[in-house]
Structures are given as structure tokens and as C-alpha cells.
């Protein structure tokens, strides 16, 4: 399968632009977040709720953790604050990683950031093969990856024996709806590529920087259905421990969703049909 180098390169330029927006108000006051040693992102709180039943003592404390597609590092910092050890964050955007390192420095957090494509994380972290107890990725990740076979193999290669992997991400159904509503707009199944132009960012409707614009507006996304996600993880030697579907999401994935500021989450109004907005998979290496 093609590596889709052109499309990935254009996505990279887009995410470098998004990093500027997200680090300068789009994700709220990061200086305040860095200064509060107890502050956790709502995304990590939801991730932890999925992961807890599969952790020793229901905690990441003392666990060696890798965060894939970590972006500007506020979620990664949250995992560190929960007690994770030897914390690493990996992302393909150098600008995102610059902001992540600055945030960690302000918070005096010992986090290692590495540049790399999540599909080839094992190649970016050759000294960490078989050393992570927990690997996480969450909230808008795999739709940016053209294919998942190498991604799953990297996860398996980097996990320690009995290590656990968790993904919580946009439900595959949303790809077919194309973020527009209840009408099917494009194919659901894996292999479908989507292209769109957008000078905004998903945080603009609820955060600061309402006038901030993305300069590199081209975006490419790829569908990944449950068959593919589960199959590649199993083929890499992991055992699926749980598959979940959830009624809240981390961003306004559909136009009718309502925002709960107290929980920093979006959900379907009660008057609408209730559909899953996110999914989760927990897998373990034997």
C-alpha cells in the first residue's frame, strides 16, 4: 500500500499551523495549565476511565507510558501527572513538539518527545522496543493515517510483555457522515480517502483565538472500520480485551452536538437519535 507521502506532507503543514492556534489560546490558558500540578485534560480523564479496569491498581502510576500522536503535549503532561513513568510523546509535527517541550519545561515535567510518524513509531524509538507498559492514542488520531498495519506492529513491538494499548477515537460512523449530520456522505469502509479544504480548527467554536486561521488548508483523512482496527491489532499479536462505543466526544463532530462546558465534552441533544460518537479498544500483549 502507498505511504501517501504527498497527502501526509500536506497534513503535516496543516498540523504545524494548528499547533500555533492550539498553543496560543485554542486549548485555553496553557500557562495556567502548566502552573497547576493537579490539572488534567478532560480527554485524559475520559481515556483513563476506559483504561483503568486493565491497569494494575487501576492506575498508570509507575507504568512506563508512550503517547502516540501527542500534538502539543497537554494530554501527555496529564498522563505524567497521573504518575506514569518514562513518559514519551511522539508526533510528526515539529512545531507541535516545540510547544509540547515548552509546556513540559514550564510544568517541570520529565517527558521525552520524539518526532515520528505513528505508523513507524518503533523505528523512531528503537531503544524502547518492548519497554512500554502502556501505549495510548486518543481523540482524532487514526483518521490521519493512510493505513494501520505498520501502526499496529509498532505498538506491539514497543509494548512490554503484558503491556496494554488503548485507543479512544472518533467513531468510524462519523467518517461516513462527513461531520455534516445524519445523511451518509461517503463510504464507511476502510480504504476510503477524504479530502477537504478548511482554514479553521475544531477548537475555534469553544475556545479563544476565534479569528485564528490555518494557512495550509488542505486536509486528507482515511476511513478505518472496526474490522480493520481489530484485525491489524490481532495480526500484530495483541489480544483484544474490550471494544467500547461512547455517546460523548471531545469536539463538535456533528453540527447539532451540544457542548457541556463543565465536562468539556460534546453530546447529542436528547431530542435527536442517539448514536455512538467515539469508540475505544483496549488490547494486551501476552
C-alpha atoms as a PDB file:
ATOM      1  CA  UNK A   1       0.000   0.000   0.000  1.00  0.00           C
ATOM      2  CA  UNK A   2       1.268   3.505  -0.809  1.00  0.00           C
ATOM      3  CA  UNK A   3       2.674   5.613   2.009  1.00  0.00           C
ATOM      4  CA  UNK A   4       0.667   8.580   0.626  1.00  0.00           C
ATOM      5  CA  UNK A   5       3.712  10.812   1.117  1.00  0.00           C
ATOM      6  CA  UNK A   6       2.190  13.852  -0.620  1.00  0.00           C
ATOM      7  CA  UNK A   7      -1.015  13.710   1.407  1.00  0.00           C
ATOM      8  CA  UNK A   8       0.842  13.139   4.695  1.00  0.00           C
ATOM      9  CA  UNK A   9       3.156  16.073   3.917  1.00  0.00           C
ATOM     10  CA  UNK A  10       0.177  18.365   3.336  1.00  0.00           C
ATOM     11  CA  UNK A  11      -1.396  17.174   6.579  1.00  0.00           C
ATOM     12  CA  UNK A  12       1.877  17.947   8.349  1.00  0.00           C
ATOM     13  CA  UNK A  13       1.820  21.552   7.135  1.00  0.00           C
ATOM     14  CA  UNK A  14      -1.788  21.810   8.313  1.00  0.00           C
ATOM     15  CA  UNK A  15      -0.956  20.445  11.769  1.00  0.00           C
ATOM     16  CA  UNK A  16       2.020  22.782  12.159  1.00  0.00           C
ATOM     17  CA  UNK A  17      -0.463  25.628  11.607  1.00  0.00           C
ATOM     18  CA  UNK A  18      -2.937  24.100  14.055  1.00  0.00           C
ATOM     19  CA  UNK A  19      -0.192  23.874  16.682  1.00  0.00           C
ATOM     20  CA  UNK A  20       0.178  27.661  16.601  1.00  0.00           C
ATOM     21  CA  UNK A  21      -3.569  28.101  17.097  1.00  0.00           C
ATOM     22  CA  UNK A  22      -3.940  25.457  19.784  1.00  0.00           C
ATOM     23  CA  UNK A  23      -0.913  26.569  21.830  1.00  0.00           C
ATOM     24  CA  UNK A  24      -1.904  30.240  21.756  1.00  0.00           C
ATOM     25  CA  UNK A  25      -5.408  30.146  23.177  1.00  0.00           C
ATOM     26  CA  UNK A  26      -7.103  27.375  21.230  1.00  0.00           C
ATOM     27  CA  UNK A  27      -6.539  24.907  24.072  1.00  0.00           C
ATOM     28  CA  UNK A  28      -7.177  27.502  26.749  1.00  0.00           C
ATOM     29  CA  UNK A  29      -4.568  29.094  29.020  1.00  0.00           C
ATOM     30  CA  UNK A  30      -1.641  26.685  28.873  1.00  0.00           C
ATOM     31  CA  UNK A  31       0.417  28.782  31.294  1.00  0.00           C
ATOM     32  CA  UNK A  32      -2.301  28.281  33.893  1.00  0.00           C
ATOM     33  CA  UNK A  33      -2.484  24.588  32.995  1.00  0.00           C
ATOM     34  CA  UNK A  34       1.287  24.213  33.431  1.00  0.00           C
ATOM     35  CA  UNK A  35       1.230  26.010  36.769  1.00  0.00           C
ATOM     36  CA  UNK A  36      -1.461  23.791  38.327  1.00  0.00           C
ATOM     37  CA  UNK A  37       0.137  20.442  39.265  1.00  0.00           C
ATOM     38  CA  UNK A  38      -3.302  18.835  39.617  1.00  0.00           C
ATOM     39  CA  UNK A  39      -4.720  19.961  36.253  1.00  0.00           C
ATOM     40  CA  UNK A  40      -5.714  17.175  33.853  1.00  0.00           C
ATOM     41  CA  UNK A  41      -7.321  17.432  30.433  1.00  0.00           C
ATOM     42  CA  UNK A  42     -10.894  16.203  30.006  1.00  0.00           C
ATOM     43  CA  UNK A  43      -9.638  13.960  27.204  1.00  0.00           C
ATOM     44  CA  UNK A  44      -7.270  12.095  29.514  1.00  0.00           C
ATOM     45  CA  UNK A  45      -9.972  11.777  32.170  1.00  0.00           C
ATOM     46  CA  UNK A  46     -12.172  10.012  29.610  1.00  0.00           C
ATOM     47  CA  UNK A  47      -9.254   7.894  28.394  1.00  0.00           C
ATOM     48  CA  UNK A  48      -8.368   6.864  31.931  1.00  0.00           C
ATOM     49  CA  UNK A  49     -11.950   5.775  32.593  1.00  0.00           C
ATOM     50  CA  UNK A  50     -11.635   3.330  29.666  1.00  0.00           C
ATOM     51  CA  UNK A  51      -8.158   2.149  30.625  1.00  0.00           C
ATOM     52  CA  UNK A  52      -8.477   1.811  34.422  1.00  0.00           C
ATOM     53  CA  UNK A  53     -10.019  -1.707  34.575  1.00  0.00           C
ATOM     54  CA  UNK A  54      -6.988  -3.070  32.717  1.00  0.00           C
ATOM     55  CA  UNK A  55      -4.264  -1.410  34.821  1.00  0.00           C
ATOM     56  CA  UNK A  56      -2.536  -2.709  37.958  1.00  0.00           C
ATOM     57  CA  UNK A  57      -4.332  -0.987  40.822  1.00  0.00           C
ATOM     58  CA  UNK A  58      -6.497   0.880  38.279  1.00  0.00           C
ATOM     59  CA  UNK A  59      -3.708   3.433  37.852  1.00  0.00           C
ATOM     60  CA  UNK A  60      -0.904   4.383  35.459  1.00  0.00           C
ATOM     61  CA  UNK A  61       1.290   5.243  38.461  1.00  0.00           C
ATOM     62  CA  UNK A  62       4.700   3.671  37.929  1.00  0.00           C
ATOM     63  CA  UNK A  63       3.804   2.452  34.430  1.00  0.00           C
ATOM     64  CA  UNK A  64       6.110   3.301  31.529  1.00  0.00           C
ATOM     65  CA  UNK A  65       3.907   5.171  29.035  1.00  0.00           C
ATOM     66  CA  UNK A  66       4.027   6.191  25.374  1.00  0.00           C
ATOM     67  CA  UNK A  67       1.530   8.685  23.949  1.00  0.00           C
ATOM     68  CA  UNK A  68       1.186   8.437  20.157  1.00  0.00           C
ATOM     69  CA  UNK A  69       0.149  11.495  18.113  1.00  0.00           C
ATOM     70  CA  UNK A  70       0.641  13.630  21.205  1.00  0.00           C
ATOM     71  CA  UNK A  71       0.286  17.039  19.464  1.00  0.00           C
ATOM     72  CA  UNK A  72       1.204  19.941  21.818  1.00  0.00           C
ATOM     73  CA  UNK A  73       1.553  17.743  24.881  1.00  0.00           C
ATOM     74  CA  UNK A  74      -1.212  18.814  27.265  1.00  0.00           C
ATOM     75  CA  UNK A  75      -2.606  15.268  27.323  1.00  0.00           C
ATOM     76  CA  UNK A  76       0.904  13.829  27.669  1.00  0.00           C
ATOM     77  CA  UNK A  77       1.540  16.107  30.633  1.00  0.00           C
ATOM     78  CA  UNK A  78      -1.718  14.843  32.160  1.00  0.00           C
ATOM     79  CA  UNK A  79      -0.505  11.231  31.948  1.00  0.00           C
ATOM     80  CA  UNK A  80       2.745  12.251  33.640  1.00  0.00           C
ATOM     81  CA  UNK A  81       0.771  13.979  36.397  1.00  0.00           C
ATOM     82  CA  UNK A  82      -1.174  10.758  36.938  1.00  0.00           C
ATOM     83  CA  UNK A  83       2.117   9.105  37.880  1.00  0.00           C
ATOM     84  CA  UNK A  84       3.240   7.480  34.632  1.00  0.00           C
ATOM     85  CA  UNK A  85       6.982   6.929  34.365  1.00  0.00           C
ATOM     86  CA  UNK A  86       9.460   7.165  31.480  1.00  0.00           C
ATOM     87  CA  UNK A  87       6.779   9.138  29.641  1.00  0.00           C
ATOM     88  CA  UNK A  88       7.322   9.622  25.908  1.00  0.00           C
ATOM     89  CA  UNK A  89       5.236  11.551  23.401  1.00  0.00           C
ATOM     90  CA  UNK A  90       5.514  11.023  19.645  1.00  0.00           C
ATOM     91  CA  UNK A  91       4.181  13.268  16.879  1.00  0.00           C
ATOM     92  CA  UNK A  92       5.018  14.022  13.246  1.00  0.00           C
ATOM     93  CA  UNK A  93       4.724  17.809  13.653  1.00  0.00           C
ATOM     94  CA  UNK A  94       7.950  19.509  14.788  1.00  0.00           C
ATOM     95  CA  UNK A  95       6.070  22.678  15.694  1.00  0.00           C
ATOM     96  CA  UNK A  96       3.687  20.697  17.899  1.00  0.00           C
ATOM     97  CA  UNK A  97       6.662  19.102  19.638  1.00  0.00           C
ATOM     98  CA  UNK A  98       8.298  22.501  20.212  1.00  0.00           C
ATOM     99  CA  UNK A  99       5.182  23.612  22.078  1.00  0.00           C
ATOM    100  CA  UNK A 100       4.986  20.282  23.929  1.00  0.00           C
ATOM    101  CA  UNK A 101       8.571  20.638  25.170  1.00  0.00           C
ATOM    102  CA  UNK A 102       7.949  24.218  26.314  1.00  0.00           C
ATOM    103  CA  UNK A 103       4.819  23.143  28.183  1.00  0.00           C
ATOM    104  CA  UNK A 104       6.682  20.311  29.905  1.00  0.00           C
ATOM    105  CA  UNK A 105       9.505  22.683  30.871  1.00  0.00           C
ATOM    106  CA  UNK A 106       7.032  25.155  32.408  1.00  0.00           C
ATOM    107  CA  UNK A 107       5.417  22.320  34.360  1.00  0.00           C
ATOM    108  CA  UNK A 108       8.822  20.878  35.328  1.00  0.00           C
ATOM    109  CA  UNK A 109       7.728  17.551  33.922  1.00  0.00           C
ATOM    110  CA  UNK A 110      10.208  14.898  32.827  1.00  0.00           C
ATOM    111  CA  UNK A 111       8.741  13.982  29.432  1.00  0.00           C
ATOM    112  CA  UNK A 112      10.659  12.859  26.344  1.00  0.00           C
ATOM    113  CA  UNK A 113       9.297  13.988  22.969  1.00  0.00           C
ATOM    114  CA  UNK A 114      10.219  12.274  19.713  1.00  0.00           C
ATOM    115  CA  UNK A 115       9.429  13.248  16.128  1.00  0.00           C
ATOM    116  CA  UNK A 116       7.958  10.426  14.083  1.00  0.00           C
ATOM    117  CA  UNK A 117       5.061   9.055  12.085  1.00  0.00           C
ATOM    118  CA  UNK A 118       2.836   6.967  14.397  1.00  0.00           C
ATOM    119  CA  UNK A 119       2.799   4.197  11.776  1.00  0.00           C
ATOM    120  CA  UNK A 120       6.547   3.761  12.262  1.00  0.00           C
ATOM    121  CA  UNK A 121       6.842   4.558  15.964  1.00  0.00           C
ATOM    122  CA  UNK A 122       9.063   1.541  16.592  1.00  0.00           C
ATOM    123  CA  UNK A 123      11.624   2.877  14.106  1.00  0.00           C
ATOM    124  CA  UNK A 124      11.543   6.289  15.815  1.00  0.00           C
ATOM    125  CA  UNK A 125      12.093   4.671  19.230  1.00  0.00           C
ATOM    126  CA  UNK A 126      14.483   1.746  18.541  1.00  0.00           C
ATOM    127  CA  UNK A 127      15.931   1.849  22.064  1.00  0.00           C
ATOM    128  CA  UNK A 128      12.448   1.431  23.565  1.00  0.00           C
ATOM    129  CA  UNK A 129      11.381  -1.814  21.915  1.00  0.00           C
ATOM    130  CA  UNK A 130       9.483  -3.953  24.412  1.00  0.00           C
ATOM    131  CA  UNK A 131       9.757  -1.342  27.160  1.00  0.00           C
ATOM    132  CA  UNK A 132       6.379   0.418  27.470  1.00  0.00           C
ATOM    133  CA  UNK A 133       3.766  -0.874  29.886  1.00  0.00           C
ATOM    134  CA  UNK A 134       1.072   1.404  28.455  1.00  0.00           C
ATOM    135  CA  UNK A 135       0.610   2.948  24.996  1.00  0.00           C
ATOM    136  CA  UNK A 136      -2.252   5.393  24.403  1.00  0.00           C
ATOM    137  CA  UNK A 137      -3.642   7.368  21.488  1.00  0.00           C
ATOM    138  CA  UNK A 138      -6.818   9.383  21.516  1.00  0.00           C
ATOM    139  CA  UNK A 139      -9.236  11.975  20.117  1.00  0.00           C
ATOM    140  CA  UNK A 140      -8.706  12.444  16.394  1.00  0.00           C
ATOM    141  CA  UNK A 141      -5.754  10.235  15.541  1.00  0.00           C
ATOM    142  CA  UNK A 142      -6.021   7.289  13.158  1.00  0.00           C
ATOM    143  CA  UNK A 143      -8.177   9.065  10.568  1.00  0.00           C
ATOM    144  CA  UNK A 144      -4.946  10.933   9.702  1.00  0.00           C
ATOM    145  CA  UNK A 145      -3.086   7.667   8.990  1.00  0.00           C
ATOM    146  CA  UNK A 146      -3.440   6.159   5.490  1.00  0.00           C
ATOM    147  CA  UNK A 147      -3.155   2.566   6.759  1.00  0.00           C
ATOM    148  CA  UNK A 148      -2.804   0.783  10.083  1.00  0.00           C
ATOM    149  CA  UNK A 149      -0.759  -2.386   9.563  1.00  0.00           C
ATOM    150  CA  UNK A 150       2.617  -0.827  10.459  1.00  0.00           C
ATOM    151  CA  UNK A 151       0.940   1.239  13.204  1.00  0.00           C
ATOM    152  CA  UNK A 152      -0.328  -1.896  14.932  1.00  0.00           C
ATOM    153  CA  UNK A 153       3.001  -3.698  14.531  1.00  0.00           C
ATOM    154  CA  UNK A 154       4.879  -0.742  16.029  1.00  0.00           C
ATOM    155  CA  UNK A 155       2.546  -0.779  19.032  1.00  0.00           C
ATOM    156  CA  UNK A 156       3.134  -4.494  19.541  1.00  0.00           C
ATOM    157  CA  UNK A 157       6.908  -4.079  19.150  1.00  0.00           C
ATOM    158  CA  UNK A 158       7.073  -1.271  21.710  1.00  0.00           C
ATOM    159  CA  UNK A 159       4.858  -2.891  24.350  1.00  0.00           C
ATOM    160  CA  UNK A 160       6.419  -4.880  27.161  1.00  0.00           C
ATOM    161  CA  UNK A 161       5.009  -8.358  27.912  1.00  0.00           C
ATOM    162  CA  UNK A 162       1.569  -7.933  29.489  1.00  0.00           C
ATOM    163  CA  UNK A 163       1.598  -4.305  28.315  1.00  0.00           C
ATOM    164  CA  UNK A 164      -1.686  -2.678  27.375  1.00  0.00           C
ATOM    165  CA  UNK A 165      -2.693  -0.455  24.460  1.00  0.00           C
ATOM    166  CA  UNK A 166      -5.720   1.831  24.409  1.00  0.00           C
ATOM    167  CA  UNK A 167      -7.235   3.872  21.615  1.00  0.00           C
ATOM    168  CA  UNK A 168     -10.287   6.111  22.082  1.00  0.00           C
ATOM    169  CA  UNK A 169     -11.137   7.954  18.905  1.00  0.00           C
ATOM    170  CA  UNK A 170     -13.805   9.210  16.528  1.00  0.00           C
ATOM    171  CA  UNK A 171     -16.364   6.501  15.765  1.00  0.00           C
ATOM    172  CA  UNK A 172     -15.951   5.138  12.200  1.00  0.00           C
ATOM    173  CA  UNK A 173     -19.583   6.070  11.512  1.00  0.00           C
ATOM    174  CA  UNK A 174     -18.641   9.758  11.661  1.00  0.00           C
ATOM    175  CA  UNK A 175     -16.366   9.342   8.647  1.00  0.00           C
ATOM    176  CA  UNK A 176     -19.328   8.236   6.533  1.00  0.00           C
ATOM    177  CA  UNK A 177     -21.433  11.123   7.849  1.00  0.00           C
ATOM    178  CA  UNK A 178     -18.603  13.506   6.909  1.00  0.00           C
ATOM    179  CA  UNK A 179     -19.202  15.671  10.011  1.00  0.00           C
ATOM    180  CA  UNK A 180     -22.310  17.162   8.423  1.00  0.00           C
ATOM    181  CA  UNK A 181     -25.309  15.427  10.011  1.00  0.00           C
ATOM    182  CA  UNK A 182     -27.279  12.216   9.715  1.00  0.00           C
ATOM    183  CA  UNK A 183     -27.009  11.836   5.932  1.00  0.00           C
ATOM    184  CA  UNK A 184     -24.413   9.343   4.662  1.00  0.00           C
ATOM    185  CA  UNK A 185     -21.982  11.347   2.542  1.00  0.00           C
ATOM    186  CA  UNK A 186     -19.210   8.886   1.705  1.00  0.00           C
ATOM    187  CA  UNK A 187     -18.113   5.274   2.044  1.00  0.00           C
ATOM    188  CA  UNK A 188     -17.784   3.816   5.543  1.00  0.00           C
ATOM    189  CA  UNK A 189     -15.281   1.062   4.822  1.00  0.00           C
ATOM    190  CA  UNK A 190     -11.508   1.166   5.197  1.00  0.00           C
ATOM    191  CA  UNK A 191      -9.618   2.399   2.154  1.00  0.00           C
ATOM    192  CA  UNK A 192     -11.874   5.399   1.596  1.00  0.00           C
ATOM    193  CA  UNK A 193      -9.929   8.658   1.325  1.00  0.00           C
ATOM    194  CA  UNK A 194     -11.471  12.028   2.094  1.00  0.00           C
ATOM    195  CA  UNK A 195     -10.146  15.439   1.017  1.00  0.00           C
ATOM    196  CA  UNK A 196     -11.296  18.871   2.141  1.00  0.00           C
ATOM    197  CA  UNK A 197     -10.177  22.489   2.463  1.00  0.00           C
ATOM    198  CA  UNK A 198     -10.662  24.282   5.790  1.00  0.00           C
ATOM    199  CA  UNK A 199      -8.932  27.340   7.242  1.00  0.00           C
ATOM    200  CA  UNK A 200     -10.371  26.780  10.725  1.00  0.00           C
ATOM    201  CA  UNK A 201      -9.705  24.405  13.593  1.00  0.00           C
ATOM    202  CA  UNK A 202     -12.026  22.241  15.641  1.00  0.00           C
ATOM    203  CA  UNK A 203     -11.411  24.280  18.812  1.00  0.00           C
ATOM    204  CA  UNK A 204     -12.453  27.665  17.428  1.00  0.00           C
ATOM    205  CA  UNK A 205     -16.142  27.413  18.358  1.00  0.00           C
ATOM    206  CA  UNK A 206     -15.477  26.974  22.084  1.00  0.00           C
ATOM    207  CA  UNK A 207     -12.060  28.416  22.841  1.00  0.00           C
ATOM    208  CA  UNK A 208     -10.089  31.628  22.429  1.00  0.00           C
ATOM    209  CA  UNK A 209      -8.498  32.731  19.134  1.00  0.00           C
ATOM    210  CA  UNK A 210     -11.808  32.760  17.257  1.00  0.00           C
ATOM    211  CA  UNK A 211     -10.220  34.656  14.366  1.00  0.00           C
ATOM    212  CA  UNK A 212      -7.162  32.424  14.002  1.00  0.00           C
ATOM    213  CA  UNK A 213      -6.819  30.821  10.576  1.00  0.00           C
ATOM    214  CA  UNK A 214      -4.925  27.835   9.238  1.00  0.00           C
ATOM    215  CA  UNK A 215      -2.680  28.828   6.313  1.00  0.00           C
ATOM    216  CA  UNK A 216      -2.235  25.336   4.858  1.00  0.00           C
ATOM    217  CA  UNK A 217      -5.893  24.452   4.409  1.00  0.00           C
ATOM    218  CA  UNK A 218      -5.707  21.070   2.678  1.00  0.00           C
ATOM    219  CA  UNK A 219      -6.616  18.011   4.757  1.00  0.00           C
ATOM    220  CA  UNK A 220      -6.621  14.298   3.920  1.00  0.00           C
ATOM    221  CA  UNK A 221      -8.372  11.688   6.073  1.00  0.00           C
ATOM    222  CA  UNK A 222      -8.760   7.920   5.712  1.00  0.00           C
ATOM    223  CA  UNK A 223     -11.565   5.644   6.878  1.00  0.00           C
ATOM    224  CA  UNK A 224     -10.747   2.813   9.282  1.00  0.00           C
ATOM    225  CA  UNK A 225     -13.615   0.475  10.086  1.00  0.00           C
ATOM    226  CA  UNK A 226     -13.786  -1.845  13.095  1.00  0.00           C
ATOM    227  CA  UNK A 227     -12.803  -4.876  11.027  1.00  0.00           C
ATOM    228  CA  UNK A 228      -9.513  -3.227  10.057  1.00  0.00           C
ATOM    229  CA  UNK A 229      -8.740  -1.823  13.514  1.00  0.00           C
ATOM    230  CA  UNK A 230      -9.326  -5.115  15.304  1.00  0.00           C
ATOM    231  CA  UNK A 231      -7.713  -7.241  12.576  1.00  0.00           C
ATOM    232  CA  UNK A 232      -4.406  -5.327  12.464  1.00  0.00           C
ATOM    233  CA  UNK A 233      -4.050  -5.372  16.246  1.00  0.00           C
ATOM    234  CA  UNK A 234      -4.722  -9.115  16.371  1.00  0.00           C
ATOM    235  CA  UNK A 235      -2.373  -9.767  13.434  1.00  0.00           C
ATOM    236  CA  UNK A 236       0.349  -7.940  15.358  1.00  0.00           C
ATOM    237  CA  UNK A 237      -0.103 -10.444  18.191  1.00  0.00           C
ATOM    238  CA  UNK A 238      -2.274  -8.413  20.570  1.00  0.00           C
ATOM    239  CA  UNK A 239      -5.351  -9.742  22.353  1.00  0.00           C
ATOM    240  CA  UNK A 240      -8.466  -7.563  22.252  1.00  0.00           C
ATOM    241  CA  UNK A 241      -9.725  -7.114  25.798  1.00  0.00           C
ATOM    242  CA  UNK A 242     -12.524  -4.608  25.236  1.00  0.00           C
ATOM    243  CA  UNK A 243     -14.370  -2.756  22.479  1.00  0.00           C
ATOM    244  CA  UNK A 244     -16.464   0.209  23.578  1.00  0.00           C
ATOM    245  CA  UNK A 245     -18.808   2.741  21.949  1.00  0.00           C
ATOM    246  CA  UNK A 246     -19.487   6.050  23.680  1.00  0.00           C
ATOM    247  CA  UNK A 247     -22.069   8.841  23.438  1.00  0.00           C
ATOM    248  CA  UNK A 248     -19.753  11.790  24.090  1.00  0.00           C
ATOM    249  CA  UNK A 249     -16.900  13.218  22.072  1.00  0.00           C
ATOM    250  CA  UNK A 250     -14.041  15.673  22.503  1.00  0.00           C
ATOM    251  CA  UNK A 251     -15.016  18.085  19.721  1.00  0.00           C
ATOM    252  CA  UNK A 252     -18.027  19.203  17.701  1.00  0.00           C
ATOM    253  CA  UNK A 253     -18.006  16.264  15.301  1.00  0.00           C
ATOM    254  CA  UNK A 254     -21.581  16.964  14.082  1.00  0.00           C
ATOM    255  CA  UNK A 255     -23.332  20.339  13.808  1.00  0.00           C
ATOM    256  CA  UNK A 256     -26.200  19.551  16.206  1.00  0.00           C
ATOM    257  CA  UNK A 257     -23.986  18.425  19.109  1.00  0.00           C
ATOM    258  CA  UNK A 258     -24.250  20.460  22.305  1.00  0.00           C
ATOM    259  CA  UNK A 259     -21.322  21.465  24.495  1.00  0.00           C
ATOM    260  CA  UNK A 260     -21.108  20.736  28.212  1.00  0.00           C
ATOM    261  CA  UNK A 261     -18.536  23.232  29.466  1.00  0.00           C
ATOM    262  CA  UNK A 262     -18.322  21.650  32.922  1.00  0.00           C
ATOM    263  CA  UNK A 263     -17.091  18.381  31.382  1.00  0.00           C
ATOM    264  CA  UNK A 264     -15.501  19.838  28.229  1.00  0.00           C
ATOM    265  CA  UNK A 265     -17.400  17.366  26.061  1.00  0.00           C
ATOM    266  CA  UNK A 266     -19.930  17.275  23.234  1.00  0.00           C
ATOM    267  CA  UNK A 267     -23.038  15.102  23.067  1.00  0.00           C
ATOM    268  CA  UNK A 268     -26.190  14.572  21.022  1.00  0.00           C
ATOM    269  CA  UNK A 269     -29.251  16.557  22.182  1.00  0.00           C
ATOM    270  CA  UNK A 270     -31.890  14.370  23.838  1.00  0.00           C
ATOM    271  CA  UNK A 271     -34.353  15.158  21.033  1.00  0.00           C
ATOM    272  CA  UNK A 272     -32.083  13.500  18.425  1.00  0.00           C
ATOM    273  CA  UNK A 273     -31.448   9.797  17.770  1.00  0.00           C
ATOM    274  CA  UNK A 274     -28.563   8.679  19.944  1.00  0.00           C
ATOM    275  CA  UNK A 275     -25.577   7.279  18.040  1.00  0.00           C
ATOM    276  CA  UNK A 276     -22.018   6.462  19.134  1.00  0.00           C
ATOM    277  CA  UNK A 277     -19.656   9.397  18.708  1.00  0.00           C
ATOM    278  CA  UNK A 278     -16.439   7.732  19.859  1.00  0.00           C
ATOM    279  CA  UNK A 279     -15.156   4.201  20.197  1.00  0.00           C
ATOM    280  CA  UNK A 280     -12.461   2.596  22.307  1.00  0.00           C
ATOM    281  CA  UNK A 281     -10.327  -0.528  22.029  1.00  0.00           C
ATOM    282  CA  UNK A 282      -8.134  -1.993  24.747  1.00  0.00           C
ATOM    283  CA  UNK A 283      -5.604  -4.636  23.675  1.00  0.00           C
ATOM    284  CA  UNK A 284      -2.879  -6.503  25.515  1.00  0.00           C
ATOM    285  CA  UNK A 285       0.439  -8.080  24.593  1.00  0.00           C
ATOM    286  CA  UNK A 286       0.858 -11.576  26.005  1.00  0.00           C
END
